[in-house]
Amino acid sequence: MRTQEQALDILTRNNFKTPPEKLRVWVGGATEEIFTAVGRNVALNLFDVIEPLNLLKTKENTVLDFGCGCGRVIQNLRALYPNCTYYGVDPDSSGIQWCQENLNDIGTFIKSSTRPPLNLNVQFDFIYATSVFTHLPEDLQFDWLTELTRITKVGGYLVLTTHGELLDNSVASLRDEEKKNFLEKGFWYRDSSYNPIGKDYYDVVWHTKEYVAKHWSKYFQIVKHIDKGINNHQDLILCKKIK
């Protein structure tokens, strides 16, 4: 099993392609340095849970970046696991177009609808969705969880992320009354009134561990829940399809 130091060395030498400023800023990359660093950090966080499972060794292994944006994470993950077959989906046509034009040597990129189903007839060994379920209302989350069960192989794994109970920063902080209601209900949805792609997208959502364990376990086995396990910011939930 490789170490994180070995993985970091691979990523440092990776020929990483940087998209235009507008696409970078849209996904939270105010500068090229921040954009690159976050993509690398997230890939290392994924590596930390993938590597002990001895996954993603051959070209028969299929990987889906669900909400790939402009390719920040998929470029790095493919550098760590180059033998797999990669797909990326996102409703953002600008990001998908850039990936299709610049990352077609990495994977297949498909513009998705804002609601299921995906136009995919592939079964995946590994799916990751970073900063996706942090921005969708509850009913749409359940719809997408159902769809992800459809395209995950039995025995396959997923990494999904949430805004958790320990999150506290200037961007995604809960106001006092919101935090009270959030902890009582286990789920809190804030309408940002800014949906450039489609209704119910790009709002802000929080989940407690108890909520995830209760509701998401209807779709997948919850293998591990790591507080702030993605870029020391969002919680990392490792899931497995068992039937």
Protein backbone atom coordinates (compact mmCIF):
# COMPACT_ATOMS: atom_id res chain seq x y z
CA MET A 1 0.00 0.00 0.00
CA ARG A 2 1.35 3.41 -0.96
CA THR A 3 1.83 6.20 1.55
CA GLN A 4 0.34 9.69 1.37
CA GLU A 5 3.87 11.03 0.84
CA GLN A 6 4.20 8.88 -2.27
CA ALA A 7 0.80 10.05 -3.48
CA LEU A 8 1.74 13.69 -2.91
CA ASP A 9 4.90 13.20 -4.94
CA ILE A 10 2.82 11.88 -7.84
CA LEU A 11 0.45 14.84 -7.66
CA THR A 12 3.28 17.35 -7.45
CA ARG A 13 4.61 16.00 -10.74
CA ASN A 14 1.17 15.79 -12.36
CA ASN A 15 0.64 17.82 -15.54
CA PHE A 16 -2.34 19.67 -14.12
CA LYS A 17 -4.41 21.79 -16.53
CA THR A 18 -5.95 24.97 -15.16
CA PRO A 19 -9.26 26.26 -16.59
CA PRO A 20 -10.04 29.94 -17.27
CA GLU A 21 -10.60 32.26 -14.31
CA LYS A 22 -14.40 32.32 -14.67
CA LEU A 23 -14.64 28.54 -14.33
CA ARG A 24 -12.10 28.47 -11.48
CA VAL A 25 -13.90 31.12 -9.44
CA TRP A 26 -17.27 29.43 -9.99
CA VAL A 27 -16.07 26.37 -8.06
CA GLY A 28 -14.23 28.34 -5.38
CA GLY A 29 -10.80 28.82 -6.91
CA ALA A 30 -10.17 32.53 -6.43
CA THR A 31 -6.59 32.07 -7.63
CA GLU A 32 -4.81 29.40 -9.64
CA GLU A 33 -2.87 28.45 -6.51
CA ILE A 34 -6.03 27.92 -4.44
CA PHE A 35 -7.76 26.02 -7.24
CA THR A 36 -4.78 23.71 -7.69
CA ALA A 37 -4.22 23.19 -3.96
CA VAL A 38 -7.85 22.28 -3.25
CA GLY A 39 -7.95 19.78 -6.11
CA ARG A 40 -4.78 18.15 -4.82
CA ASN A 41 -5.97 18.09 -1.20
CA VAL A 42 -9.31 16.50 -2.11
CA ALA A 43 -7.57 13.84 -4.21
CA LEU A 44 -5.30 13.03 -1.26
CA ASN A 45 -8.33 12.77 1.03
CA LEU A 46 -9.92 10.33 -1.42
CA PHE A 47 -6.63 8.43 -1.65
CA ASP A 48 -6.63 8.00 2.13
CA VAL A 49 -9.91 6.05 2.01
CA ILE A 50 -9.42 4.31 -1.36
CA GLU A 51 -5.90 2.96 -0.86
CA PRO A 52 -6.62 0.76 2.20
CA LEU A 53 -9.53 -0.83 0.29
CA ASN A 54 -7.19 -1.97 -2.50
CA LEU A 55 -9.48 -0.50 -5.16
CA LEU A 56 -8.95 0.96 -8.63
CA LYS A 57 -6.10 -1.16 -9.90
CA THR A 58 -7.15 -2.00 -13.46
CA LYS A 59 -8.70 -0.46 -16.56
CA GLU A 60 -11.81 -2.54 -15.85
CA ASN A 61 -12.42 -0.38 -12.77
CA THR A 62 -14.83 2.44 -13.51
CA VAL A 63 -14.88 5.77 -11.65
CA LEU A 64 -17.48 8.55 -11.74
CA ASP A 65 -16.91 12.15 -10.68
CA PHE A 66 -20.51 13.14 -9.92
CA GLY A 67 -20.45 16.94 -10.13
CA CYS A 68 -17.07 17.17 -11.84
CA GLY A 69 -17.25 20.91 -12.57
CA CYS A 70 -14.18 21.93 -14.56
CA GLY A 71 -12.11 18.89 -13.64
CA ARG A 72 -10.31 20.00 -10.51
CA VAL A 73 -10.38 16.65 -8.72
CA ILE A 74 -10.58 14.13 -11.56
CA GLN A 75 -7.23 15.24 -12.98
CA ASN A 76 -5.51 14.44 -9.70
CA LEU A 77 -7.35 11.20 -8.97
CA ARG A 78 -6.49 9.86 -12.38
CA ALA A 79 -2.82 10.64 -11.75
CA LEU A 80 -3.03 8.46 -8.62
CA TYR A 81 -5.04 5.67 -10.30
CA PRO A 82 -4.17 5.91 -14.01
CA ASN A 83 -5.42 2.49 -15.08
CA CYS A 84 -9.12 3.12 -14.45
CA THR A 85 -11.82 4.32 -16.83
CA TYR A 86 -13.14 7.73 -15.80
CA TYR A 87 -16.41 9.59 -16.35
CA GLY A 88 -17.47 13.04 -15.22
CA VAL A 89 -20.98 14.49 -15.14
CA ASP A 90 -22.25 17.95 -14.26
CA PRO A 91 -25.22 20.18 -15.19
CA ASP A 92 -22.85 23.11 -15.80
CA SER A 93 -22.43 23.19 -19.58
CA SER A 94 -19.42 25.56 -19.47
CA GLY A 95 -17.44 23.30 -17.16
CA ILE A 96 -18.33 20.18 -19.13
CA GLN A 97 -17.39 21.82 -22.41
CA TRP A 98 -13.99 22.80 -21.04
CA CYS A 99 -13.40 19.25 -19.80
CA GLN A 100 -14.45 17.79 -23.15
CA GLU A 101 -12.03 20.07 -24.98
CA ASN A 102 -9.09 19.85 -22.58
CA LEU A 103 -9.37 16.61 -20.58
CA ASN A 104 -10.61 14.13 -23.18
CA ASP A 105 -7.45 12.11 -22.61
CA ILE A 106 -8.53 11.61 -18.99
CA GLY A 107 -12.15 10.56 -19.32
CA THR A 108 -15.60 10.93 -20.82
CA PHE A 109 -17.49 14.05 -19.79
CA ILE A 110 -21.27 14.32 -20.07
CA LYS A 111 -23.62 17.21 -19.34
CA SER A 112 -26.30 15.95 -16.98
CA SER A 113 -29.78 17.16 -16.25
CA THR A 114 -30.47 18.84 -12.92
CA ARG A 115 -32.61 15.85 -11.97
CA PRO A 116 -32.23 12.08 -12.44
CA PRO A 117 -31.75 9.93 -14.34
CA LEU A 118 -28.24 10.21 -15.70
CA ASN A 119 -27.71 9.30 -19.33
CA LEU A 120 -25.36 6.49 -18.34
CA ASN A 121 -25.56 2.73 -18.70
CA VAL A 122 -22.30 2.13 -16.85
CA GLN A 123 -21.90 0.40 -13.49
CA PHE A 124 -19.25 2.04 -11.32
CA ASP A 125 -16.74 0.64 -8.86
CA PHE A 126 -16.22 4.03 -7.26
CA ILE A 127 -18.24 7.25 -7.28
CA TYR A 128 -17.35 10.48 -5.55
CA ALA A 129 -19.44 13.62 -5.18
CA THR A 130 -17.62 16.43 -3.43
CA SER A 131 -19.60 19.56 -2.63
CA VAL A 132 -22.78 18.29 -4.28
CA PHE A 133 -25.08 17.14 -1.47
CA THR A 134 -24.05 20.33 0.34
CA HIS A 135 -26.15 22.29 -2.16
CA LEU A 136 -29.35 20.32 -2.85
CA PRO A 137 -32.73 20.24 -1.07
CA GLU A 138 -33.79 17.11 0.76
CA ASP A 139 -36.17 15.61 -1.81
CA LEU A 140 -33.64 16.04 -4.61
CA GLN A 141 -30.94 14.43 -2.47
CA PHE A 142 -33.09 11.33 -2.05
CA ASP A 143 -33.74 11.25 -5.81
CA TRP A 144 -30.01 11.38 -6.55
CA LEU A 145 -29.18 8.79 -3.90
CA THR A 146 -31.65 6.46 -5.60
CA GLU A 147 -29.99 7.11 -8.95
CA LEU A 148 -26.52 6.52 -7.53
CA THR A 149 -27.63 3.13 -6.22
CA ARG A 150 -28.69 2.26 -9.76
CA ILE A 151 -25.27 2.91 -11.27
CA THR A 152 -23.06 1.56 -8.47
CA LYS A 153 -21.86 -2.03 -8.66
CA VAL A 154 -22.73 -4.31 -5.77
CA GLY A 155 -19.68 -4.07 -3.55
CA GLY A 156 -18.82 -0.66 -5.02
CA TYR A 157 -17.93 2.37 -2.91
CA LEU A 158 -18.93 6.02 -2.87
CA VAL A 159 -17.58 9.12 -1.17
CA LEU A 160 -20.18 11.82 -0.56
CA THR A 161 -19.59 15.04 1.38
CA THR A 162 -21.66 17.19 3.70
CA HIS A 163 -21.48 20.38 5.70
CA GLY A 164 -21.26 18.85 9.16
CA GLU A 165 -21.74 19.86 12.76
CA LEU A 166 -18.15 21.05 13.23
CA LEU A 167 -18.11 23.35 10.20
CA ASP A 168 -17.55 26.97 11.15
CA ASN A 169 -16.34 29.50 8.62
CA SER A 170 -17.34 32.81 7.10
CA VAL A 171 -18.90 31.25 3.99
CA ALA A 172 -21.01 28.41 5.29
CA SER A 173 -21.57 29.25 8.95
CA LEU A 174 -24.98 28.69 10.47
CA ARG A 175 -26.69 31.62 12.16
CA ASP A 176 -27.65 31.02 15.79
CA GLU A 177 -31.32 30.26 15.10
CA GLU A 178 -30.42 28.12 12.09
CA LYS A 179 -27.94 26.12 14.15
CA LYS A 180 -30.54 25.45 16.81
CA ASN A 181 -33.04 24.18 14.23
CA PHE A 182 -30.33 22.23 12.40
CA LEU A 183 -29.26 20.32 15.49
CA GLU A 184 -32.89 19.56 16.36
CA LYS A 185 -33.84 18.31 12.90
CA GLY A 186 -30.49 16.96 11.71
CA PHE A 187 -30.87 18.72 8.35
CA TRP A 188 -30.93 22.37 7.40
CA TYR A 189 -31.54 23.96 4.02
CA ARG A 190 -30.84 27.59 3.19
CA ASP A 191 -32.22 28.94 -0.07
CA SER A 192 -29.51 31.13 -1.53
CA SER A 193 -31.91 32.56 -4.15
CA TYR A 194 -29.16 32.08 -6.71
CA ASN A 195 -29.77 29.23 -9.09
CA PRO A 196 -28.00 29.95 -12.38
CA ILE A 197 -28.21 26.35 -13.62
CA GLY A 198 -31.60 25.23 -12.44
CA LYS A 199 -34.13 25.32 -9.64
CA ASP A 200 -32.89 23.83 -6.35
CA TYR A 201 -29.19 24.08 -7.22
CA TYR A 202 -26.42 25.99 -5.45
CA ASP A 203 -28.26 26.50 -2.19
CA VAL A 204 -26.52 25.60 1.10
CA VAL A 205 -27.29 22.48 3.17
CA TRP A 206 -26.06 20.96 6.44
CA HIS A 207 -26.35 17.39 7.78
CA THR A 208 -25.69 15.87 11.20
CA LYS A 209 -24.03 12.48 11.55
CA GLU A 210 -27.23 11.06 12.99
CA TYR A 211 -29.26 12.26 10.01
CA VAL A 212 -26.84 10.68 7.53
CA ALA A 213 -26.77 7.41 9.46
CA LYS A 214 -30.57 7.25 9.63
CA HIS A 215 -31.55 8.34 6.11
CA TRP A 216 -28.63 7.55 3.81
CA SER A 217 -28.32 4.01 5.19
CA LYS A 218 -31.58 3.26 3.34
CA TYR A 219 -29.51 3.44 0.16
CA PHE A 220 -25.98 2.42 1.16
CA GLN A 221 -24.05 0.99 4.06
CA ILE A 222 -22.32 3.87 5.85
CA VAL A 223 -18.78 2.58 6.27
CA LYS A 224 -17.13 5.66 7.73
CA HIS A 225 -18.00 9.26 8.57
CA ILE A 226 -14.98 11.54 8.92
CA ASP A 227 -15.55 15.00 10.38
CA LYS A 228 -14.06 17.65 8.06
CA GLY A 229 -12.42 14.84 6.09
CA ILE A 230 -12.44 16.74 2.80
CA ASN A 231 -9.94 19.60 2.63
CA ASN A 232 -10.42 20.02 6.42
CA HIS A 233 -13.80 21.50 5.57
CA GLN A 234 -16.63 19.18 4.53
CA ASP A 235 -17.40 15.84 6.18
CA LEU A 236 -16.41 12.73 4.21
CA ILE A 237 -18.93 9.90 4.16
CA LEU A 238 -17.65 6.58 2.78
CA CYS A 239 -20.54 4.41 1.58
CA LYS A 240 -20.82 0.92 0.11
CA LYS A 241 -23.50 -0.73 -1.99
CA ILE A 242 -24.16 -4.10 -0.41
CA LYS A 243 -27.18 -5.31 -2.40
